[in-house]
Amino acid sequence: MTRYIDQHKMGSMTPEMLRKMQNEPRDEFGVLHHEIFFNKEDDKVWCVVDAPDKEAVKKHHSNAGVEVEWVHEIESTLD
């Protein structure tokens, strides 16, 4: 799987909701959350996910009623 980072608004999501989402299994689009970062003051959430492609990331969020502002493929220095 390829790793992506995306950004969207936090809106009415709570930290507890984000923690729950992070621990959910891979969804029907093949997306699995790796880590979620957020900033309530700036109303932003950044999701680091494993997914087959960018379109799957967008569908994953759309299915939850979330509009993604951007999605980028990323690499890590960690193994």
PDB file of N, CA and C in Angstrom:
ATOM      1  N   MET A   1       0.838  -1.187   0.000  1.00  0.00           N
ATOM      2  CA  MET A   1       0.000   0.000   0.000  1.00  0.00           C
ATOM      3  C   MET A   1       0.881   1.247   0.000  1.00  0.00           C
ATOM      4  N   THR A   2       0.345   2.269  -0.556  1.00  0.00           N
ATOM      5  CA  THR A   2       1.020   3.558  -0.592  1.00  0.00           C
ATOM      6  C   THR A   2       0.531   4.402   0.578  1.00  0.00           C
ATOM      7  N   ARG A   3       1.410   5.228   1.127  1.00  0.00           N
ATOM      8  CA  ARG A   3       1.036   6.092   2.254  1.00  0.00           C
ATOM      9  C   ARG A   3       0.729   7.494   1.734  1.00  0.00           C
ATOM     10  N   TYR A   4      -0.334   8.087   2.299  1.00  0.00           N
ATOM     11  CA  TYR A   4      -0.777   9.424   1.924  1.00  0.00           C
ATOM     12  C   TYR A   4      -1.015  10.261   3.169  1.00  0.00           C
ATOM     13  N   ILE A   5      -0.947  11.583   2.981  1.00  0.00           N
ATOM     14  CA  ILE A   5      -1.397  12.518   4.005  1.00  0.00           C
ATOM     15  C   ILE A   5      -2.450  13.408   3.357  1.00  0.00           C
ATOM     16  N   ASP A   6      -3.509  13.677   4.111  1.00  0.00           N
ATOM     17  CA  ASP A   6      -4.550  14.566   3.597  1.00  0.00           C
ATOM     18  C   ASP A   6      -4.892  15.603   4.651  1.00  0.00           C
ATOM     19  N   GLN A   7      -5.548  16.646   4.213  1.00  0.00           N
ATOM     20  CA  GLN A   7      -5.982  17.708   5.120  1.00  0.00           C
ATOM     21  C   GLN A   7      -7.457  17.988   4.898  1.00  0.00           C
ATOM     22  N   HIS A   8      -8.157  18.194   6.009  1.00  0.00           N
ATOM     23  CA  HIS A   8      -9.559  18.607   5.941  1.00  0.00           C
ATOM     24  C   HIS A   8      -9.920  19.343   7.216  1.00  0.00           C
ATOM     25  N   LYS A   9     -11.109  19.922   7.242  1.00  0.00           N
ATOM     26  CA  LYS A   9     -11.572  20.652   8.419  1.00  0.00           C
ATOM     27  C   LYS A   9     -11.952  19.681   9.529  1.00  0.00           C
ATOM     28  N   MET A  10     -11.753  20.122  10.764  1.00  0.00           N
ATOM     29  CA  MET A  10     -12.130  19.319  11.920  1.00  0.00           C
ATOM     30  C   MET A  10     -13.634  19.388  12.148  1.00  0.00           C
ATOM     31  N   GLY A  11     -14.209  20.577  11.932  1.00  0.00           N
ATOM     32  CA  GLY A  11     -15.653  20.720  12.094  1.00  0.00           C
ATOM     33  C   GLY A  11     -16.117  20.301  13.475  1.00  0.00           C
ATOM     34  N   SER A  12     -17.116  19.445  13.525  1.00  0.00           N
ATOM     35  CA  SER A  12     -17.688  19.006  14.802  1.00  0.00           C
ATOM     36  C   SER A  12     -17.014  17.756  15.359  1.00  0.00           C
ATOM     37  N   MET A  13     -15.953  17.282  14.704  1.00  0.00           N
ATOM     38  CA  MET A  13     -15.255  16.093  15.198  1.00  0.00           C
ATOM     39  C   MET A  13     -14.552  16.395  16.520  1.00  0.00           C
ATOM     40  N   THR A  14     -14.593  15.439  17.418  1.00  0.00           N
ATOM     41  CA  THR A  14     -13.903  15.573  18.704  1.00  0.00           C
ATOM     42  C   THR A  14     -12.636  14.722  18.673  1.00  0.00           C
ATOM     43  N   PRO A  15     -11.690  14.997  19.581  1.00  0.00           N
ATOM     44  CA  PRO A  15     -10.507  14.138  19.656  1.00  0.00           C
ATOM     45  C   PRO A  15     -10.875  12.670  19.871  1.00  0.00           C
ATOM     46  N   GLU A  16     -11.921  12.427  20.642  1.00  0.00           N
ATOM     47  CA  GLU A  16     -12.356  11.046  20.891  1.00  0.00           C
ATOM     48  C   GLU A  16     -12.834  10.378  19.606  1.00  0.00           C
ATOM     49  N   MET A  17     -13.565  11.127  18.785  1.00  0.00           N
ATOM     50  CA  MET A  17     -14.033  10.584  17.504  1.00  0.00           C
ATOM     51  C   MET A  17     -12.843  10.250  16.603  1.00  0.00           C
ATOM     52  N   LEU A  18     -11.845  11.130  16.586  1.00  0.00           N
ATOM     53  CA  LEU A  18     -10.658  10.894  15.760  1.00  0.00           C
ATOM     54  C   LEU A  18      -9.903   9.658  16.232  1.00  0.00           C
ATOM     55  N   ARG A  19      -9.787   9.489  17.560  1.00  0.00           N
ATOM     56  CA  ARG A  19      -9.111   8.294  18.095  1.00  0.00           C
ATOM     57  C   ARG A  19      -9.845   7.019  17.671  1.00  0.00           C
ATOM     58  N   LYS A  20     -11.173   7.069  17.729  1.00  0.00           N
ATOM     59  CA  LYS A  20     -11.970   5.906  17.322  1.00  0.00           C
ATOM     60  C   LYS A  20     -11.735   5.588  15.846  1.00  0.00           C
ATOM     61  N   MET A  21     -11.746   6.637  15.000  1.00  0.00           N
ATOM     62  CA  MET A  21     -11.516   6.444  13.562  1.00  0.00           C
ATOM     63  C   MET A  21     -10.143   5.838  13.298  1.00  0.00           C
ATOM     64  N   GLN A  22      -9.154   6.292  14.064  1.00  0.00           N
ATOM     65  CA  GLN A  22      -7.789   5.820  13.850  1.00  0.00           C
ATOM     66  C   GLN A  22      -7.662   4.319  14.108  1.00  0.00           C
ATOM     67  N   ASN A  23      -8.501   3.789  14.968  1.00  0.00           N
ATOM     68  CA  ASN A  23      -8.409   2.375  15.329  1.00  0.00           C
ATOM     69  C   ASN A  23      -9.340   1.469  14.531  1.00  0.00           C
ATOM     70  N   GLU A  24     -10.047   2.031  13.551  1.00  0.00           N
ATOM     71  CA  GLU A  24     -10.955   1.213  12.747  1.00  0.00           C
ATOM     72  C   GLU A  24     -10.177   0.380  11.731  1.00  0.00           C
ATOM     73  N   PRO A  25     -10.720  -0.770  11.338  1.00  0.00           N
ATOM     74  CA  PRO A  25     -10.041  -1.612  10.340  1.00  0.00           C
ATOM     75  C   PRO A  25     -10.087  -0.984   8.945  1.00  0.00           C
ATOM     76  N   ARG A  26      -9.324  -1.548   8.045  1.00  0.00           N
ATOM     77  CA  ARG A  26      -9.305  -1.089   6.646  1.00  0.00           C
ATOM     78  C   ARG A  26     -10.737  -1.072   6.111  1.00  0.00           C
ATOM     79  N   ASP A  27     -11.099  -0.009   5.403  1.00  0.00           N
ATOM     80  CA  ASP A  27     -12.479   0.128   4.927  1.00  0.00           C
ATOM     81  C   ASP A  27     -12.673  -0.477   3.536  1.00  0.00           C
ATOM     82  N   GLU A  28     -13.877  -0.302   2.985  1.00  0.00           N
ATOM     83  CA  GLU A  28     -14.212  -0.899   1.684  1.00  0.00           C
ATOM     84  C   GLU A  28     -13.435  -0.288   0.524  1.00  0.00           C
ATOM     85  N   PHE A  29     -12.788   0.862   0.753  1.00  0.00           N
ATOM     86  CA  PHE A  29     -11.967   1.488  -0.288  1.00  0.00           C
ATOM     87  C   PHE A  29     -10.496   1.098  -0.153  1.00  0.00           C
ATOM     88  N   GLY A  30     -10.194   0.280   0.868  1.00  0.00           N
ATOM     89  CA  GLY A  30      -8.823  -0.161   1.098  1.00  0.00           C
ATOM     90  C   GLY A  30      -8.001   0.808   1.920  1.00  0.00           C
ATOM     91  N   VAL A  31      -8.667   1.754   2.604  1.00  0.00           N
ATOM     92  CA  VAL A  31      -7.968   2.789   3.375  1.00  0.00           C
ATOM     93  C   VAL A  31      -7.842   2.366   4.836  1.00  0.00           C
ATOM     94  N   LEU A  32      -6.632   2.530   5.371  1.00  0.00           N
ATOM     95  CA  LEU A  32      -6.350   2.228   6.772  1.00  0.00           C
ATOM     96  C   LEU A  32      -5.628   3.422   7.378  1.00  0.00           C
ATOM     97  N   HIS A  33      -6.165   3.952   8.477  1.00  0.00           N
ATOM     98  CA  HIS A  33      -5.523   5.084   9.155  1.00  0.00           C
ATOM     99  C   HIS A  33      -4.232   4.623   9.818  1.00  0.00           C
ATOM    100  N   HIS A  34      -3.181   5.386   9.614  1.00  0.00           N
ATOM    101  CA  HIS A  34      -1.899   5.138  10.269  1.00  0.00           C
ATOM    102  C   HIS A  34      -1.778   6.052  11.486  1.00  0.00           C
ATOM    103  N   GLU A  35      -2.091   7.334  11.287  1.00  0.00           N
ATOM    104  CA  GLU A  35      -2.042   8.305  12.379  1.00  0.00           C
ATOM    105  C   GLU A  35      -2.887   9.515  11.994  1.00  0.00           C
ATOM    106  N   ILE A  36      -3.455  10.177  12.998  1.00  0.00           N
ATOM    107  CA  ILE A  36      -4.263  11.374  12.770  1.00  0.00           C
ATOM    108  C   ILE A  36      -3.730  12.491  13.657  1.00  0.00           C
ATOM    109  N   PHE A  37      -3.500  13.646  13.052  1.00  0.00           N
ATOM    110  CA  PHE A  37      -3.078  14.840  13.772  1.00  0.00           C
ATOM    111  C   PHE A  37      -4.192  15.874  13.646  1.00  0.00           C
ATOM    112  N   PHE A  38      -4.337  16.736  14.649  1.00  0.00           N
ATOM    113  CA  PHE A  38      -5.374  17.762  14.556  1.00  0.00           C
ATOM    114  C   PHE A  38      -4.967  19.015  15.315  1.00  0.00           C
ATOM    115  N   ASN A  39      -5.612  20.129  14.936  1.00  0.00           N
ATOM    116  CA  ASN A  39      -5.445  21.403  15.612  1.00  0.00           C
ATOM    117  C   ASN A  39      -6.826  22.040  15.679  1.00  0.00           C
ATOM    118  N   LYS A  40      -7.430  21.990  16.872  1.00  0.00           N
ATOM    119  CA  LYS A  40      -8.793  22.510  17.030  1.00  0.00           C
ATOM    120  C   LYS A  40      -8.859  24.008  16.741  1.00  0.00           C
ATOM    121  N   GLU A  41      -7.841  24.752  17.173  1.00  0.00           N
ATOM    122  CA  GLU A  41      -7.840  26.203  16.983  1.00  0.00           C
ATOM    123  C   GLU A  41      -7.869  26.578  15.502  1.00  0.00           C
ATOM    124  N   ASP A  42      -7.127  25.841  14.682  1.00  0.00           N
ATOM    125  CA  ASP A  42      -7.091  26.100  13.241  1.00  0.00           C
ATOM    126  C   ASP A  42      -8.158  25.328  12.471  1.00  0.00           C
ATOM    127  N   ASP A  43      -8.932  24.475  13.186  1.00  0.00           N
ATOM    128  CA  ASP A  43      -9.996  23.678  12.569  1.00  0.00           C
ATOM    129  C   ASP A  43      -9.448  22.784  11.453  1.00  0.00           C
ATOM    130  N   LYS A  44      -8.312  22.121  11.722  1.00  0.00           N
ATOM    131  CA  LYS A  44      -7.674  21.274  10.710  1.00  0.00           C
ATOM    132  C   LYS A  44      -7.386  19.884  11.261  1.00  0.00           C
ATOM    133  N   VAL A  45      -7.499  18.909  10.364  1.00  0.00           N
ATOM    134  CA  VAL A  45      -7.130  17.524  10.644  1.00  0.00           C
ATOM    135  C   VAL A  45      -6.236  17.055   9.510  1.00  0.00           C
ATOM    136  N   TRP A  46      -5.172  16.329   9.873  1.00  0.00           N
ATOM    137  CA  TRP A  46      -4.283  15.718   8.891  1.00  0.00           C
ATOM    138  C   TRP A  46      -4.284  14.221   9.158  1.00  0.00           C
ATOM    139  N   CYS A  47      -4.695  13.457   8.166  1.00  0.00           N
ATOM    140  CA  CYS A  47      -4.742  12.000   8.285  1.00  0.00           C
ATOM    141  C   CYS A  47      -3.586  11.399   7.500  1.00  0.00           C
ATOM    142  N   VAL A  48      -2.859  10.506   8.143  1.00  0.00           N
ATOM    143  CA  VAL A  48      -1.836   9.721   7.465  1.00  0.00           C
ATOM    144  C   VAL A  48      -2.446   8.336   7.295  1.00  0.00           C
ATOM    145  N   VAL A  49      -2.621   7.938   6.043  1.00  0.00           N
ATOM    146  CA  VAL A  49      -3.326   6.693   5.745  1.00  0.00           C
ATOM    147  C   VAL A  49      -2.552   5.846   4.741  1.00  0.00           C
ATOM    148  N   ASP A  50      -2.813   4.558   4.771  1.00  0.00           N
ATOM    149  CA  ASP A  50      -2.351   3.649   3.726  1.00  0.00           C
ATOM    150  C   ASP A  50      -3.553   3.398   2.826  1.00  0.00           C
ATOM    151  N   ALA A  51      -3.342   3.524   1.518  1.00  0.00           N
ATOM    152  CA  ALA A  51      -4.457   3.381   0.577  1.00  0.00           C
ATOM    153  C   ALA A  51      -3.937   2.950  -0.785  1.00  0.00           C
ATOM    154  N   PRO A  52      -4.820   2.370  -1.616  1.00  0.00           N
ATOM    155  CA  PRO A  52      -4.405   1.956  -2.957  1.00  0.00           C
ATOM    156  C   PRO A  52      -4.039   3.138  -3.857  1.00  0.00           C
ATOM    157  N   ASP A  53      -4.761   4.284  -3.680  1.00  0.00           N
ATOM    158  CA  ASP A  53      -4.507   5.461  -4.514  1.00  0.00           C
ATOM    159  C   ASP A  53      -5.194   6.677  -3.897  1.00  0.00           C
ATOM    160  N   LYS A  54      -4.941   7.861  -4.480  1.00  0.00           N
ATOM    161  CA  LYS A  54      -5.528   9.109  -3.971  1.00  0.00           C
ATOM    162  C   LYS A  54      -7.049   9.079  -4.019  1.00  0.00           C
ATOM    163  N   GLU A  55      -7.588   8.492  -5.061  1.00  0.00           N
ATOM    164  CA  GLU A  55      -9.043   8.442  -5.217  1.00  0.00           C
ATOM    165  C   GLU A  55      -9.686   7.675  -4.068  1.00  0.00           C
ATOM    166  N   ALA A  56      -9.051   6.606  -3.606  1.00  0.00           N
ATOM    167  CA  ALA A  56      -9.576   5.840  -2.472  1.00  0.00           C
ATOM    168  C   ALA A  56      -9.602   6.695  -1.207  1.00  0.00           C
ATOM    169  N   VAL A  57      -8.580   7.525  -1.018  1.00  0.00           N
ATOM    170  CA  VAL A  57      -8.533   8.423   0.139  1.00  0.00           C
ATOM    171  C   VAL A  57      -9.704   9.401   0.077  1.00  0.00           C
ATOM    172  N   LYS A  58      -9.948   9.964  -1.089  1.00  0.00           N
ATOM    173  CA  LYS A  58     -11.058  10.910  -1.254  1.00  0.00           C
ATOM    174  C   LYS A  58     -12.405  10.228  -1.013  1.00  0.00           C
ATOM    175  N   LYS A  59     -12.584   9.019  -1.535  1.00  0.00           N
ATOM    176  CA  LYS A  59     -13.836   8.281  -1.342  1.00  0.00           C
ATOM    177  C   LYS A  59     -14.042   7.941   0.132  1.00  0.00           C
ATOM    178  N   HIS A  60     -12.962   7.545   0.809  1.00  0.00           N
ATOM    179  CA  HIS A  60     -13.003   7.216   2.236  1.00  0.00           C
ATOM    180  C   HIS A  60     -13.562   8.400   3.032  1.00  0.00           C
ATOM    181  N   HIS A  61     -13.044   9.584   2.770  1.00  0.00           N
ATOM    182  CA  HIS A  61     -13.497  10.769   3.491  1.00  0.00           C
ATOM    183  C   HIS A  61     -14.903  11.188   3.064  1.00  0.00           C
ATOM    184  N   SER A  62     -15.178  11.134   1.788  1.00  0.00           N
ATOM    185  CA  SER A  62     -16.499  11.499   1.285  1.00  0.00           C
ATOM    186  C   SER A  62     -17.577  10.621   1.905  1.00  0.00           C
ATOM    187  N   ASN A  63     -17.274   9.346   2.073  1.00  0.00           N
ATOM    188  CA  ASN A  63     -18.200   8.395   2.684  1.00  0.00           C
ATOM    189  C   ASN A  63     -18.542   8.798   4.123  1.00  0.00           C
ATOM    190  N   ALA A  64     -17.611   9.508   4.781  1.00  0.00           N
ATOM    191  CA  ALA A  64     -17.829   9.975   6.153  1.00  0.00           C
ATOM    192  C   ALA A  64     -18.373  11.404   6.182  1.00  0.00           C
ATOM    193  N   GLY A  65     -18.675  11.965   5.004  1.00  0.00           N
ATOM    194  CA  GLY A  65     -19.206  13.319   4.937  1.00  0.00           C
ATOM    195  C   GLY A  65     -18.154  14.403   5.103  1.00  0.00           C
ATOM    196  N   VAL A  66     -16.896  14.061   4.800  1.00  0.00           N
ATOM    197  CA  VAL A  66     -15.780  14.994   4.966  1.00  0.00           C
ATOM    198  C   VAL A  66     -15.211  15.352   3.600  1.00  0.00           C
ATOM    199  N   GLU A  67     -15.052  16.648   3.344  1.00  0.00           N
ATOM    200  CA  GLU A  67     -14.461  17.114   2.094  1.00  0.00           C
ATOM    201  C   GLU A  67     -12.961  17.313   2.287  1.00  0.00           C
ATOM    202  N   VAL A  68     -12.181  16.580   1.531  1.00  0.00           N
ATOM    203  CA  VAL A  68     -10.720  16.665   1.618  1.00  0.00           C
ATOM    204  C   VAL A  68     -10.245  17.905   0.868  1.00  0.00           C
ATOM    205  N   GLU A  69      -9.366  18.677   1.510  1.00  0.00           N
ATOM    206  CA  GLU A  69      -8.808  19.873   0.870  1.00  0.00           C
ATOM    207  C   GLU A  69      -7.656  19.513  -0.059  1.00  0.00           C
ATOM    208  N   TRP A  70      -6.823  18.548   0.365  1.00  0.00           N
ATOM    209  CA  TRP A  70      -5.739  18.052  -0.488  1.00  0.00           C
ATOM    210  C   TRP A  70      -5.284  16.687  -0.008  1.00  0.00           C
ATOM    211  N   VAL A  71      -4.635  15.954  -0.921  1.00  0.00           N
ATOM    212  CA  VAL A  71      -4.062  14.632  -0.636  1.00  0.00           C
ATOM    213  C   VAL A  71      -2.702  14.574  -1.315  1.00  0.00           C
ATOM    214  N   HIS A  72      -1.681  14.123  -0.571  1.00  0.00           N
ATOM    215  CA  HIS A  72      -0.344  13.971  -1.140  1.00  0.00           C
ATOM    216  C   HIS A  72       0.213  12.598  -0.785  1.00  0.00           C
ATOM    217  N   GLU A  73       0.861  11.967  -1.740  1.00  0.00           N
ATOM    218  CA  GLU A  73       1.598  10.737  -1.465  1.00  0.00           C
ATOM    219  C   GLU A  73       2.845  11.120  -0.682  1.00  0.00           C
ATOM    220  N   ILE A  74       3.185  10.321   0.339  1.00  0.00           N
ATOM    221  CA  ILE A  74       4.349  10.625   1.167  1.00  0.00           C
ATOM    222  C   ILE A  74       5.220   9.389   1.357  1.00  0.00           C
ATOM    223  N   GLU A  75       6.456   9.636   1.761  1.00  0.00           N
ATOM    224  CA  GLU A  75       7.393   8.586   2.145  1.00  0.00           C
ATOM    225  C   GLU A  75       7.918   8.926   3.525  1.00  0.00           C
ATOM    226  N   SER A  76       8.489   7.954   4.201  1.00  0.00           N
ATOM    227  CA  SER A  76       8.997   8.147   5.552  1.00  0.00           C
ATOM    228  C   SER A  76      10.458   7.732   5.636  1.00  0.00           C
ATOM    229  N   THR A  77      11.156   8.309   6.582  1.00  0.00           N
ATOM    230  CA  THR A  77      12.532   7.897   6.846  1.00  0.00           C
ATOM    231  C   THR A  77      12.574   6.678   7.755  1.00  0.00           C
ATOM    232  N   LEU A  78      11.425   6.315   8.343  1.00  0.00           N
ATOM    233  CA  LEU A  78      11.344   5.132   9.196  1.00  0.00           C
ATOM    234  C   LEU A  78      11.152   3.888   8.344  1.00  0.00           C
ATOM    235  N   ASP A  79      11.601   2.762   8.843  1.00  0.00           N
ATOM    236  CA  ASP A  79      11.412   1.493   8.129  1.00  0.00           C
ATOM    237  C   ASP A  79      10.005   0.983   8.308  1.00  0.00           C
TER     238      ASP A  79
END
